[in-house]
Amino acid sequence: MGILSLFAKSKGCRLVHLPSGSFTLDRDGRVMSSTLPISFPAAHIRWIGQHVLATFHAAQNAHMPLSEILISFAALRILARELRGGAIIYLMPQSLNQPLKPALN
């Protein structure tokens, strides 16, 4: 029976619907406002925010002007804009057969 427990599903993992909305972070990574559903895990918001802010800070330290990041996955698009040390991050789900739309203005 021990070998079967290796293939058992983890109790900590669960499916999450792809979010639609945005959130803003201050320069310390604290969420200032959010339009994401409450069901979207706060840990995911923190993880995305930390990586976005780290990217903006690394670009600033390298003296590279970076004001926007666009990441396109098959089912999710993430657009992040720098805001004086903080950021506003848009999460936009996409249909798998939908063509890529231009960035928000």
C-alpha atoms as a PDB file:
ATOM      1  CA  MET A   1       0.000   0.000   0.000  1.00  0.00           C
ATOM      2  CA  GLY A   2       2.968   2.308   0.546  1.00  0.00           C
ATOM      3  CA  ILE A   3       3.764   2.546  -3.170  1.00  0.00           C
ATOM      4  CA  LEU A   4       0.221   3.704  -3.962  1.00  0.00           C
ATOM      5  CA  SER A   5       0.520   6.611  -1.563  1.00  0.00           C
ATOM      6  CA  LEU A   6       3.243   8.059  -3.812  1.00  0.00           C
ATOM      7  CA  PHE A   7       0.630   8.619  -6.492  1.00  0.00           C
ATOM      8  CA  ALA A   8      -2.048  10.045  -4.245  1.00  0.00           C
ATOM      9  CA  LYS A   9      -3.153  13.594  -4.944  1.00  0.00           C
ATOM     10  CA  SER A  10      -1.710  16.314  -2.788  1.00  0.00           C
ATOM     11  CA  LYS A  11      -4.294  17.897  -0.489  1.00  0.00           C
ATOM     12  CA  GLY A  12      -2.641  21.338  -0.751  1.00  0.00           C
ATOM     13  CA  CYS A  13      -3.134  21.716  -4.515  1.00  0.00           C
ATOM     14  CA  ARG A  14      -6.371  22.872  -6.027  1.00  0.00           C
ATOM     15  CA  LEU A  15      -7.406  24.356  -9.333  1.00  0.00           C
ATOM     16  CA  VAL A  16      -7.831  28.117  -9.508  1.00  0.00           C
ATOM     17  CA  HIS A  17      -9.875  29.915 -12.159  1.00  0.00           C
ATOM     18  CA  LEU A  18      -7.845  32.313 -14.252  1.00  0.00           C
ATOM     19  CA  PRO A  19      -8.429  35.779 -12.840  1.00  0.00           C
ATOM     20  CA  SER A  20      -9.584  38.891 -14.602  1.00  0.00           C
ATOM     21  CA  GLY A  21      -8.725  42.181 -12.951  1.00  0.00           C
ATOM     22  CA  SER A  22      -5.867  44.304 -11.712  1.00  0.00           C
ATOM     23  CA  PHE A  23      -4.016  45.248  -8.566  1.00  0.00           C
ATOM     24  CA  THR A  24      -1.592  47.980  -7.561  1.00  0.00           C
ATOM     25  CA  LEU A  25       1.469  47.654  -5.369  1.00  0.00           C
ATOM     26  CA  ASP A  26       3.465  50.246  -3.481  1.00  0.00           C
ATOM     27  CA  ARG A  27       7.261  50.212  -3.623  1.00  0.00           C
ATOM     28  CA  ASP A  28       7.395  47.787  -0.666  1.00  0.00           C
ATOM     29  CA  GLY A  29       5.166  45.224  -2.416  1.00  0.00           C
ATOM     30  CA  ARG A  30       2.022  45.873  -0.372  1.00  0.00           C
ATOM     31  CA  VAL A  31      -1.261  45.614  -2.270  1.00  0.00           C
ATOM     32  CA  MET A  32      -2.908  49.041  -2.315  1.00  0.00           C
ATOM     33  CA  SER A  33      -6.004  48.201  -4.364  1.00  0.00           C
ATOM     34  CA  SER A  34      -7.370  45.226  -6.257  1.00  0.00           C
ATOM     35  CA  THR A  35     -10.216  44.337  -8.598  1.00  0.00           C
ATOM     36  CA  LEU A  36      -9.362  40.617  -8.541  1.00  0.00           C
ATOM     37  CA  PRO A  37     -11.948  38.192  -7.151  1.00  0.00           C
ATOM     38  CA  ILE A  38     -11.602  37.303  -3.470  1.00  0.00           C
ATOM     39  CA  SER A  39     -11.343  33.644  -4.475  1.00  0.00           C
ATOM     40  CA  PHE A  40      -7.973  34.290  -6.155  1.00  0.00           C
ATOM     41  CA  PRO A  41      -5.273  33.322  -3.617  1.00  0.00           C
ATOM     42  CA  ALA A  42      -3.378  36.181  -1.965  1.00  0.00           C
ATOM     43  CA  ALA A  43      -0.197  34.103  -2.173  1.00  0.00           C
ATOM     44  CA  HIS A  44      -0.442  34.179  -5.976  1.00  0.00           C
ATOM     45  CA  ILE A  45      -0.869  37.964  -5.920  1.00  0.00           C
ATOM     46  CA  ARG A  46       2.217  38.323  -3.696  1.00  0.00           C
ATOM     47  CA  TRP A  47       4.264  35.978  -5.902  1.00  0.00           C
ATOM     48  CA  ILE A  48       3.384  37.835  -9.124  1.00  0.00           C
ATOM     49  CA  GLY A  49       3.946  41.211  -7.457  1.00  0.00           C
ATOM     50  CA  GLN A  50       7.350  40.271  -6.031  1.00  0.00           C
ATOM     51  CA  HIS A  51       8.609  39.119  -9.428  1.00  0.00           C
ATOM     52  CA  VAL A  52       7.279  42.175 -11.245  1.00  0.00           C
ATOM     53  CA  LEU A  53       8.815  44.603  -8.720  1.00  0.00           C
ATOM     54  CA  ALA A  54      12.122  42.694  -8.760  1.00  0.00           C
ATOM     55  CA  THR A  55      12.219  43.010 -12.555  1.00  0.00           C
ATOM     56  CA  PHE A  56      11.561  46.754 -12.450  1.00  0.00           C
ATOM     57  CA  HIS A  57      14.182  47.240  -9.699  1.00  0.00           C
ATOM     58  CA  ALA A  58      16.775  45.193 -11.613  1.00  0.00           C
ATOM     59  CA  ALA A  59      16.177  47.271 -14.738  1.00  0.00           C
ATOM     60  CA  GLN A  60      16.522  50.475 -12.725  1.00  0.00           C
ATOM     61  CA  ASN A  61      19.812  49.272 -11.167  1.00  0.00           C
ATOM     62  CA  ALA A  62      21.103  48.428 -14.661  1.00  0.00           C
ATOM     63  CA  HIS A  63      20.130  51.941 -15.862  1.00  0.00           C
ATOM     64  CA  MET A  64      17.709  50.507 -18.421  1.00  0.00           C
ATOM     65  CA  PRO A  65      14.488  52.439 -18.948  1.00  0.00           C
ATOM     66  CA  LEU A  66      11.730  49.872 -18.364  1.00  0.00           C
ATOM     67  CA  SER A  67       8.215  51.109 -17.802  1.00  0.00           C
ATOM     68  CA  GLU A  68       6.101  48.164 -18.953  1.00  0.00           C
ATOM     69  CA  ILE A  69       6.254  44.360 -18.973  1.00  0.00           C
ATOM     70  CA  LEU A  70       3.969  42.195 -21.095  1.00  0.00           C
ATOM     71  CA  ILE A  71       3.897  38.434 -20.524  1.00  0.00           C
ATOM     72  CA  SER A  72       1.687  36.327 -22.782  1.00  0.00           C
ATOM     73  CA  PHE A  73       0.837  32.747 -21.934  1.00  0.00           C
ATOM     74  CA  ALA A  74      -1.540  30.566 -23.936  1.00  0.00           C
ATOM     75  CA  ALA A  75      -4.412  31.243 -21.522  1.00  0.00           C
ATOM     76  CA  LEU A  76      -3.295  34.303 -19.510  1.00  0.00           C
ATOM     77  CA  ARG A  77      -1.803  37.680 -20.285  1.00  0.00           C
ATOM     78  CA  ILE A  78      -0.052  39.785 -17.632  1.00  0.00           C
ATOM     79  CA  LEU A  79       0.612  43.474 -18.220  1.00  0.00           C
ATOM     80  CA  ALA A  80       2.588  45.385 -15.588  1.00  0.00           C
ATOM     81  CA  ARG A  81       3.363  49.109 -15.576  1.00  0.00           C
ATOM     82  CA  GLU A  82       5.850  50.817 -13.291  1.00  0.00           C
ATOM     83  CA  LEU A  83       4.433  53.490 -10.962  1.00  0.00           C
ATOM     84  CA  ARG A  84       7.210  55.411  -9.156  1.00  0.00           C
ATOM     85  CA  GLY A  85       8.679  52.317  -7.538  1.00  0.00           C
ATOM     86  CA  GLY A  86       5.398  50.448  -7.344  1.00  0.00           C
ATOM     87  CA  ALA A  87       3.365  48.850 -10.113  1.00  0.00           C
ATOM     88  CA  ILE A  88      -0.080  48.282 -11.518  1.00  0.00           C
ATOM     89  CA  ILE A  89      -0.589  44.737 -12.775  1.00  0.00           C
ATOM     90  CA  TYR A  90      -3.383  43.591 -15.086  1.00  0.00           C
ATOM     91  CA  LEU A  91      -4.322  39.895 -15.300  1.00  0.00           C
ATOM     92  CA  MET A  92      -6.315  39.056 -18.426  1.00  0.00           C
ATOM     93  CA  PRO A  93      -7.462  35.530 -19.315  1.00  0.00           C
ATOM     94  CA  GLN A  94      -7.436  34.635 -23.004  1.00  0.00           C
ATOM     95  CA  SER A  95      -9.291  32.085 -25.041  1.00  0.00           C
ATOM     96  CA  LEU A  96      -6.961  29.515 -26.590  1.00  0.00           C
ATOM     97  CA  ASN A  97      -8.205  30.328 -30.110  1.00  0.00           C
ATOM     98  CA  GLN A  98      -8.333  34.109 -29.621  1.00  0.00           C
ATOM     99  CA  PRO A  99      -5.717  36.198 -31.481  1.00  0.00           C
ATOM    100  CA  LEU A 100      -3.338  38.325 -29.381  1.00  0.00           C
ATOM    101  CA  LYS A 101      -4.757  41.816 -28.841  1.00  0.00           C
ATOM    102  CA  PRO A 102      -2.609  44.969 -28.692  1.00  0.00           C
ATOM    103  CA  ALA A 103      -1.499  46.267 -25.301  1.00  0.00           C
ATOM    104  CA  LEU A 104      -3.813  48.490 -23.253  1.00  0.00           C
ATOM    105  CA  ASN A 105      -3.238  52.224 -23.614  1.00  0.00           C
END
